[in-house]
Amino acid sequence: MNTSLPEAGRYLARTLTQTLRLMVGVPDYDTYVSHMRTTHPEQEPMSYEAFFRERQQARYGGGAGRCC
Protein backbone atom coordinates (compact mmCIF):
# COMPACT_ATOMS: atom_id res chain seq x y z
CA MET A 1 0.00 0.00 0.00
CA ASN A 2 1.59 3.25 -1.17
CA THR A 3 -0.54 5.79 0.71
CA SER A 4 0.64 8.08 3.41
CA LEU A 5 -0.98 8.11 6.83
CA PRO A 6 -2.68 11.53 6.34
CA GLU A 7 -4.02 10.40 2.96
CA ALA A 8 -5.37 7.18 4.45
CA GLY A 9 -6.96 9.19 7.27
CA ARG A 10 -8.74 11.50 4.81
CA TYR A 11 -10.01 8.49 2.86
CA LEU A 12 -11.27 6.84 6.05
CA ALA A 13 -12.98 10.05 7.20
CA ARG A 14 -14.63 10.56 3.80
CA THR A 15 -15.84 6.95 3.71
CA LEU A 16 -17.13 7.09 7.28
CA THR A 17 -18.96 10.36 6.60
CA GLN A 18 -20.59 8.94 3.47
CA THR A 19 -21.62 5.78 5.33
CA LEU A 20 -23.14 7.70 8.23
CA ARG A 21 -25.04 10.00 5.89
CA LEU A 22 -26.51 7.03 4.03
CA MET A 23 -27.45 5.37 7.32
CA VAL A 24 -29.57 8.34 8.39
CA GLY A 25 -30.93 9.00 4.92
CA VAL A 26 -28.97 12.07 3.86
CA PRO A 27 -28.15 11.73 0.16
CA ASP A 28 -24.59 12.30 -1.06
CA TYR A 29 -24.75 15.10 -3.62
CA ASP A 30 -21.01 15.01 -4.45
CA THR A 31 -21.25 11.32 -5.40
CA TYR A 32 -24.29 12.07 -7.56
CA VAL A 33 -22.50 14.91 -9.39
CA SER A 34 -19.41 12.76 -9.93
CA HIS A 35 -21.57 9.95 -11.32
CA MET A 36 -23.43 12.31 -13.65
CA ARG A 37 -20.22 13.83 -15.02
CA THR A 38 -18.65 10.42 -15.58
CA THR A 39 -21.61 8.41 -16.82
CA HIS A 40 -23.93 11.03 -18.34
CA PRO A 41 -21.75 13.95 -19.48
CA GLU A 42 -24.44 15.18 -21.89
CA GLN A 43 -26.90 15.81 -19.02
CA GLU A 44 -26.76 18.71 -16.59
CA PRO A 45 -26.76 17.54 -12.93
CA MET A 46 -29.64 18.73 -10.75
CA SER A 47 -29.02 21.56 -8.32
CA TYR A 48 -28.47 20.54 -4.70
CA GLU A 49 -31.97 21.72 -3.81
CA ALA A 50 -33.61 19.74 -6.64
CA PHE A 51 -31.51 16.68 -5.80
CA PHE A 52 -32.46 16.86 -2.12
CA ARG A 53 -36.19 17.23 -2.94
CA GLU A 54 -36.03 14.32 -5.39
CA ARG A 55 -34.32 12.09 -2.82
CA GLN A 56 -36.87 13.03 -0.14
CA GLN A 57 -39.69 12.27 -2.56
CA ALA A 58 -38.14 8.90 -3.40
CA ARG A 59 -37.71 8.02 0.26
CA TYR A 60 -40.92 9.30 1.80
CA GLY A 61 -43.27 9.43 -1.18
CA GLY A 62 -45.70 12.18 -2.01
CA GLY A 63 -48.94 10.83 -0.57
CA ALA A 64 -50.36 10.68 2.90
CA GLY A 65 -48.73 8.37 5.41
CA ARG A 66 -49.70 4.73 5.27
CA CYS A 67 -50.36 2.31 8.04
CA CYS A 68 -49.38 -0.84 6.17
PDB file of N, CA and C in Angstrom:
ATOM      1  N   MET A   1       0.844  -1.169   0.000  1.00  0.00           N
ATOM      2  CA  MET A   1       0.000   0.000   0.000  1.00  0.00           C
ATOM      3  C   MET A   1       0.894   1.239   0.000  1.00  0.00           C
ATOM      4  N   ASN A   2       0.722   2.098  -0.994  1.00  0.00           N
ATOM      5  CA  ASN A   2       1.586   3.254  -1.172  1.00  0.00           C
ATOM      6  C   ASN A   2       0.903   4.561  -0.770  1.00  0.00           C
ATOM      7  N   THR A   3       0.108   4.553   0.271  1.00  0.00           N
ATOM      8  CA  THR A   3      -0.540   5.788   0.706  1.00  0.00           C
ATOM      9  C   THR A   3       0.066   6.239   2.020  1.00  0.00           C
ATOM     10  N   SER A   4       0.115   7.542   2.171  1.00  0.00           N
ATOM     11  CA  SER A   4       0.641   8.080   3.414  1.00  0.00           C
ATOM     12  C   SER A   4      -0.437   8.022   4.488  1.00  0.00           C
ATOM     13  N   LEU A   5      -0.039   8.155   5.721  1.00  0.00           N
ATOM     14  CA  LEU A   5      -0.983   8.107   6.830  1.00  0.00           C
ATOM     15  C   LEU A   5      -2.030   9.221   6.744  1.00  0.00           C
ATOM     16  N   PRO A   6      -1.651  10.487   6.476  1.00  0.00           N
ATOM     17  CA  PRO A   6      -2.684  11.526   6.343  1.00  0.00           C
ATOM     18  C   PRO A   6      -3.662  11.247   5.203  1.00  0.00           C
ATOM     19  N   GLU A   7      -3.158  10.725   4.094  1.00  0.00           N
ATOM     20  CA  GLU A   7      -4.019  10.402   2.956  1.00  0.00           C
ATOM     21  C   GLU A   7      -4.993   9.289   3.325  1.00  0.00           C
ATOM     22  N   ALA A   8      -4.511   8.274   4.015  1.00  0.00           N
ATOM     23  CA  ALA A   8      -5.369   7.180   4.452  1.00  0.00           C
ATOM     24  C   ALA A   8      -6.409   7.681   5.446  1.00  0.00           C
ATOM     25  N   GLY A   9      -6.026   8.611   6.310  1.00  0.00           N
ATOM     26  CA  GLY A   9      -6.964   9.192   7.273  1.00  0.00           C
ATOM     27  C   GLY A   9      -8.071   9.969   6.587  1.00  0.00           C
ATOM     28  N   ARG A  10      -7.719  10.745   5.559  1.00  0.00           N
ATOM     29  CA  ARG A  10      -8.740  11.498   4.807  1.00  0.00           C
ATOM     30  C   ARG A  10      -9.698  10.543   4.107  1.00  0.00           C
ATOM     31  N   TYR A  11      -9.163   9.479   3.531  1.00  0.00           N
ATOM     32  CA  TYR A  11     -10.008   8.486   2.865  1.00  0.00           C
ATOM     33  C   TYR A  11     -10.962   7.837   3.865  1.00  0.00           C
ATOM     34  N   LEU A  12     -10.442   7.468   5.020  1.00  0.00           N
ATOM     35  CA  LEU A  12     -11.267   6.839   6.053  1.00  0.00           C
ATOM     36  C   LEU A  12     -12.358   7.806   6.533  1.00  0.00           C
ATOM     37  N   ALA A  13     -12.007   9.054   6.752  1.00  0.00           N
ATOM     38  CA  ALA A  13     -12.980  10.053   7.201  1.00  0.00           C
ATOM     39  C   ALA A  13     -14.059  10.272   6.146  1.00  0.00           C
ATOM     40  N   ARG A  14     -13.672  10.362   4.893  1.00  0.00           N
ATOM     41  CA  ARG A  14     -14.630  10.561   3.800  1.00  0.00           C
ATOM     42  C   ARG A  14     -15.575   9.372   3.694  1.00  0.00           C
ATOM     43  N   THR A  15     -15.034   8.159   3.791  1.00  0.00           N
ATOM     44  CA  THR A  15     -15.840   6.945   3.708  1.00  0.00           C
ATOM     45  C   THR A  15     -16.785   6.834   4.898  1.00  0.00           C
ATOM     46  N   LEU A  16     -16.299   7.141   6.082  1.00  0.00           N
ATOM     47  CA  LEU A  16     -17.127   7.091   7.278  1.00  0.00           C
ATOM     48  C   LEU A  16     -18.255   8.121   7.198  1.00  0.00           C
ATOM     49  N   THR A  17     -17.943   9.326   6.746  1.00  0.00           N
ATOM     50  CA  THR A  17     -18.961  10.362   6.597  1.00  0.00           C
ATOM     51  C   THR A  17     -20.029   9.937   5.614  1.00  0.00           C
ATOM     52  N   GLN A  18     -19.630   9.398   4.483  1.00  0.00           N
ATOM     53  CA  GLN A  18     -20.587   8.944   3.474  1.00  0.00           C
ATOM     54  C   GLN A  18     -21.463   7.823   4.034  1.00  0.00           C
ATOM     55  N   THR A  19     -20.872   6.888   4.749  1.00  0.00           N
ATOM     56  CA  THR A  19     -21.622   5.779   5.328  1.00  0.00           C
ATOM     57  C   THR A  19     -22.636   6.273   6.347  1.00  0.00           C
ATOM     58  N   LEU A  20     -22.221   7.176   7.223  1.00  0.00           N
ATOM     59  CA  LEU A  20     -23.141   7.701   8.231  1.00  0.00           C
ATOM     60  C   LEU A  20     -24.281   8.487   7.596  1.00  0.00           C
ATOM     61  N   ARG A  21     -23.984   9.253   6.573  1.00  0.00           N
ATOM     62  CA  ARG A  21     -25.037  10.000   5.889  1.00  0.00           C
ATOM     63  C   ARG A  21     -26.063   9.058   5.276  1.00  0.00           C
ATOM     64  N   LEU A  22     -25.584   7.994   4.637  1.00  0.00           N
ATOM     65  CA  LEU A  22     -26.508   7.032   4.030  1.00  0.00           C
ATOM     66  C   LEU A  22     -27.325   6.302   5.082  1.00  0.00           C
ATOM     67  N   MET A  23     -26.742   6.056   6.255  1.00  0.00           N
ATOM     68  CA  MET A  23     -27.454   5.366   7.323  1.00  0.00           C
ATOM     69  C   MET A  23     -28.633   6.185   7.841  1.00  0.00           C
ATOM     70  N   VAL A  24     -28.484   7.494   7.879  1.00  0.00           N
ATOM     71  CA  VAL A  24     -29.566   8.343   8.387  1.00  0.00           C
ATOM     72  C   VAL A  24     -30.397   8.939   7.260  1.00  0.00           C
ATOM     73  N   GLY A  25     -30.096   8.592   6.037  1.00  0.00           N
ATOM     74  CA  GLY A  25     -30.930   8.998   4.918  1.00  0.00           C
ATOM     75  C   GLY A  25     -30.579  10.316   4.276  1.00  0.00           C
ATOM     76  N   VAL A  26     -29.397  10.835   4.504  1.00  0.00           N
ATOM     77  CA  VAL A  26     -28.968  12.068   3.860  1.00  0.00           C
ATOM     78  C   VAL A  26     -28.244  11.698   2.569  1.00  0.00           C
ATOM     79  N   PRO A  27     -28.773  12.106   1.428  1.00  0.00           N
ATOM     80  CA  PRO A  27     -28.147  11.725   0.160  1.00  0.00           C
ATOM     81  C   PRO A  27     -26.801  12.408  -0.045  1.00  0.00           C
ATOM     82  N   ASP A  28     -25.933  11.779  -0.813  1.00  0.00           N
ATOM     83  CA  ASP A  28     -24.591  12.295  -1.059  1.00  0.00           C
ATOM     84  C   ASP A  28     -24.552  12.999  -2.418  1.00  0.00           C
ATOM     85  N   TYR A  29     -24.682  14.309  -2.395  1.00  0.00           N
ATOM     86  CA  TYR A  29     -24.747  15.102  -3.621  1.00  0.00           C
ATOM     87  C   TYR A  29     -23.447  15.021  -4.414  1.00  0.00           C
ATOM     88  N   ASP A  30     -22.304  15.049  -3.743  1.00  0.00           N
ATOM     89  CA  ASP A  30     -21.014  15.008  -4.445  1.00  0.00           C
ATOM     90  C   ASP A  30     -20.858  13.710  -5.250  1.00  0.00           C
ATOM     91  N   THR A  31     -21.306  12.595  -4.683  1.00  0.00           N
ATOM     92  CA  THR A  31     -21.246  11.320  -5.399  1.00  0.00           C
ATOM     93  C   THR A  31     -22.159  11.350  -6.617  1.00  0.00           C
ATOM     94  N   TYR A  32     -23.339  11.939  -6.448  1.00  0.00           N
ATOM     95  CA  TYR A  32     -24.287  12.067  -7.559  1.00  0.00           C
ATOM     96  C   TYR A  32     -23.681  12.892  -8.694  1.00  0.00           C
ATOM     97  N   VAL A  33     -23.092  14.044  -8.372  1.00  0.00           N
ATOM     98  CA  VAL A  33     -22.504  14.914  -9.393  1.00  0.00           C
ATOM     99  C   VAL A  33     -21.354  14.193 -10.100  1.00  0.00           C
ATOM    100  N   SER A  34     -20.523  13.511  -9.339  1.00  0.00           N
ATOM    101  CA  SER A  34     -19.410  12.764  -9.929  1.00  0.00           C
ATOM    102  C   SER A  34     -19.934  11.688 -10.878  1.00  0.00           C
ATOM    103  N   HIS A  35     -20.968  10.978 -10.466  1.00  0.00           N
ATOM    104  CA  HIS A  35     -21.571   9.949 -11.316  1.00  0.00           C
ATOM    105  C   HIS A  35     -22.129  10.559 -12.600  1.00  0.00           C
ATOM    106  N   MET A  36     -22.842  11.676 -12.479  1.00  0.00           N
ATOM    107  CA  MET A  36     -23.435  12.315 -13.652  1.00  0.00           C
ATOM    108  C   MET A  36     -22.361  12.772 -14.634  1.00  0.00           C
ATOM    109  N   ARG A  37     -21.286  13.348 -14.134  1.00  0.00           N
ATOM    110  CA  ARG A  37     -20.217  13.833 -15.020  1.00  0.00           C
ATOM    111  C   ARG A  37     -19.500  12.689 -15.716  1.00  0.00           C
ATOM    112  N   THR A  38     -19.356  11.568 -15.020  1.00  0.00           N
ATOM    113  CA  THR A  38     -18.647  10.423 -15.584  1.00  0.00           C
ATOM    114  C   THR A  38     -19.527   9.613 -16.530  1.00  0.00           C
ATOM    115  N   THR A  39     -20.740   9.331 -16.098  1.00  0.00           N
ATOM    116  CA  THR A  39     -21.609   8.411 -16.818  1.00  0.00           C
ATOM    117  C   THR A  39     -22.534   9.100 -17.817  1.00  0.00           C
ATOM    118  N   HIS A  40     -22.967  10.300 -17.493  1.00  0.00           N
ATOM    119  CA  HIS A  40     -23.928  11.026 -18.336  1.00  0.00           C
ATOM    120  C   HIS A  40     -23.441  12.449 -18.611  1.00  0.00           C
ATOM    121  N   PRO A  41     -22.315  12.608 -19.294  1.00  0.00           N
ATOM    122  CA  PRO A  41     -21.746  13.954 -19.480  1.00  0.00           C
ATOM    123  C   PRO A  41     -22.635  14.889 -20.297  1.00  0.00           C
ATOM    124  N   GLU A  42     -23.566  14.336 -21.076  1.00  0.00           N
ATOM    125  CA  GLU A  42     -24.436  15.180 -21.893  1.00  0.00           C
ATOM    126  C   GLU A  42     -25.576  15.796 -21.080  1.00  0.00           C
ATOM    127  N   GLN A  43     -25.814  15.299 -19.863  1.00  0.00           N
ATOM    128  CA  GLN A  43     -26.903  15.807 -19.023  1.00  0.00           C
ATOM    129  C   GLN A  43     -26.364  16.739 -17.944  1.00  0.00           C
ATOM    130  N   GLU A  44     -27.109  17.764 -17.655  1.00  0.00           N
ATOM    131  CA  GLU A  44     -26.756  18.713 -16.589  1.00  0.00           C
ATOM    132  C   GLU A  44     -27.209  18.132 -15.252  1.00  0.00           C
ATOM    133  N   PRO A  45     -26.328  18.040 -14.243  1.00  0.00           N
ATOM    134  CA  PRO A  45     -26.761  17.541 -12.933  1.00  0.00           C
ATOM    135  C   PRO A  45     -27.784  18.485 -12.301  1.00  0.00           C
ATOM    136  N   MET A  46     -28.662  17.922 -11.478  1.00  0.00           N
ATOM    137  CA  MET A  46     -29.640  18.734 -10.748  1.00  0.00           C
ATOM    138  C   MET A  46     -28.912  19.631  -9.754  1.00  0.00           C
ATOM    139  N   SER A  47     -29.550  20.726  -9.394  1.00  0.00           N
ATOM    140  CA  SER A  47     -29.016  21.560  -8.321  1.00  0.00           C
ATOM    141  C   SER A  47     -29.128  20.776  -7.012  1.00  0.00           C
ATOM    142  N   TYR A  48     -28.404  21.236  -5.982  1.00  0.00           N
ATOM    143  CA  TYR A  48     -28.471  20.537  -4.698  1.00  0.00           C
ATOM    144  C   TYR A  48     -29.906  20.510  -4.176  1.00  0.00           C
ATOM    145  N   GLU A  49     -30.604  21.629  -4.305  1.00  0.00           N
ATOM    146  CA  GLU A  49     -31.974  21.721  -3.805  1.00  0.00           C
ATOM    147  C   GLU A  49     -32.890  20.734  -4.534  1.00  0.00           C
ATOM    148  N   ALA A  50     -32.791  20.672  -5.862  1.00  0.00           N
ATOM    149  CA  ALA A  50     -33.611  19.743  -6.638  1.00  0.00           C
ATOM    150  C   ALA A  50     -33.247  18.293  -6.306  1.00  0.00           C
ATOM    151  N   PHE A  51     -31.969  18.021  -6.151  1.00  0.00           N
ATOM    152  CA  PHE A  51     -31.506  16.682  -5.797  1.00  0.00           C
ATOM    153  C   PHE A  51     -32.063  16.266  -4.443  1.00  0.00           C
ATOM    154  N   PHE A  52     -31.982  17.163  -3.464  1.00  0.00           N
ATOM    155  CA  PHE A  52     -32.461  16.863  -2.121  1.00  0.00           C
ATOM    156  C   PHE A  52     -33.965  16.604  -2.129  1.00  0.00           C
ATOM    157  N   ARG A  53     -34.735  17.439  -2.846  1.00  0.00           N
ATOM    158  CA  ARG A  53     -36.185  17.233  -2.944  1.00  0.00           C
ATOM    159  C   ARG A  53     -36.508  15.900  -3.613  1.00  0.00           C
ATOM    160  N   GLU A  54     -35.787  15.571  -4.675  1.00  0.00           N
ATOM    161  CA  GLU A  54     -36.028  14.320  -5.388  1.00  0.00           C
ATOM    162  C   GLU A  54     -35.739  13.118  -4.495  1.00  0.00           C
ATOM    163  N   ARG A  55     -34.661  13.186  -3.727  1.00  0.00           N
ATOM    164  CA  ARG A  55     -34.317  12.087  -2.817  1.00  0.00           C
ATOM    165  C   ARG A  55     -35.343  11.960  -1.691  1.00  0.00           C
ATOM    166  N   GLN A  56     -35.828  13.087  -1.171  1.00  0.00           N
ATOM    167  CA  GLN A  56     -36.868  13.034  -0.140  1.00  0.00           C
ATOM    168  C   GLN A  56     -38.140  12.409  -0.704  1.00  0.00           C
ATOM    169  N   GLN A  57     -38.496  12.809  -1.902  1.00  0.00           N
ATOM    170  CA  GLN A  57     -39.690  12.270  -2.564  1.00  0.00           C
ATOM    171  C   GLN A  57     -39.541  10.760  -2.756  1.00  0.00           C
ATOM    172  N   ALA A  58     -38.370  10.321  -3.173  1.00  0.00           N
ATOM    173  CA  ALA A  58     -38.140   8.902  -3.396  1.00  0.00           C
ATOM    174  C   ALA A  58     -38.206   8.117  -2.088  1.00  0.00           C
ATOM    175  N   ARG A  59     -37.741   8.731  -1.014  1.00  0.00           N
ATOM    176  CA  ARG A  59     -37.713   8.019   0.262  1.00  0.00           C
ATOM    177  C   ARG A  59     -39.061   8.016   0.960  1.00  0.00           C
ATOM    178  N   TYR A  60     -39.705   9.178   1.012  1.00  0.00           N
ATOM    179  CA  TYR A  60     -40.924   9.305   1.797  1.00  0.00           C
ATOM    180  C   TYR A  60     -42.203   9.285   0.980  1.00  0.00           C
ATOM    181  N   GLY A  61     -42.094   9.436  -0.322  1.00  0.00           N
ATOM    182  CA  GLY A  61     -43.270   9.433  -1.182  1.00  0.00           C
ATOM    183  C   GLY A  61     -44.008  10.749  -1.103  1.00  0.00           C
ATOM    184  N   GLY A  62     -44.986  10.912  -1.953  1.00  0.00           N
ATOM    185  CA  GLY A  62     -45.699  12.184  -2.010  1.00  0.00           C
ATOM    186  C   GLY A  62     -47.072  12.138  -1.387  1.00  0.00           C
ATOM    187  N   GLY A  63     -47.588  10.941  -1.093  1.00  0.00           N
ATOM    188  CA  GLY A  63     -48.936  10.826  -0.571  1.00  0.00           C
ATOM    189  C   GLY A  63     -48.970  10.899   0.942  1.00  0.00           C
ATOM    190  N   ALA A  64     -50.173  10.705   1.456  1.00  0.00           N
ATOM    191  CA  ALA A  64     -50.357  10.678   2.904  1.00  0.00           C
ATOM    192  C   ALA A  64     -49.665   9.440   3.482  1.00  0.00           C
ATOM    193  N   GLY A  65     -49.365   9.491   4.757  1.00  0.00           N
ATOM    194  CA  GLY A  65     -48.726   8.372   5.411  1.00  0.00           C
ATOM    195  C   GLY A  65     -49.597   7.123   5.352  1.00  0.00           C
ATOM    196  N   ARG A  66     -48.975   5.984   5.350  1.00  0.00           N
ATOM    197  CA  ARG A  66     -49.700   4.734   5.266  1.00  0.00           C
ATOM    198  C   ARG A  66     -49.514   3.954   6.565  1.00  0.00           C
ATOM    199  N   CYS A  67     -50.463   3.178   6.872  1.00  0.00           N
ATOM    200  CA  CYS A  67     -50.356   2.314   8.044  1.00  0.00           C
ATOM    201  C   CYS A  67     -49.602   1.045   7.671  1.00  0.00           C
ATOM    202  N   CYS A  68     -49.961   0.451   6.539  1.00  0.00           N
ATOM    203  CA  CYS A  68     -49.383  -0.844   6.173  1.00  0.00           C
ATOM    204  C   CYS A  68     -48.864  -0.856   4.754  1.00  0.00           C
TER     205      CYS A  68
END
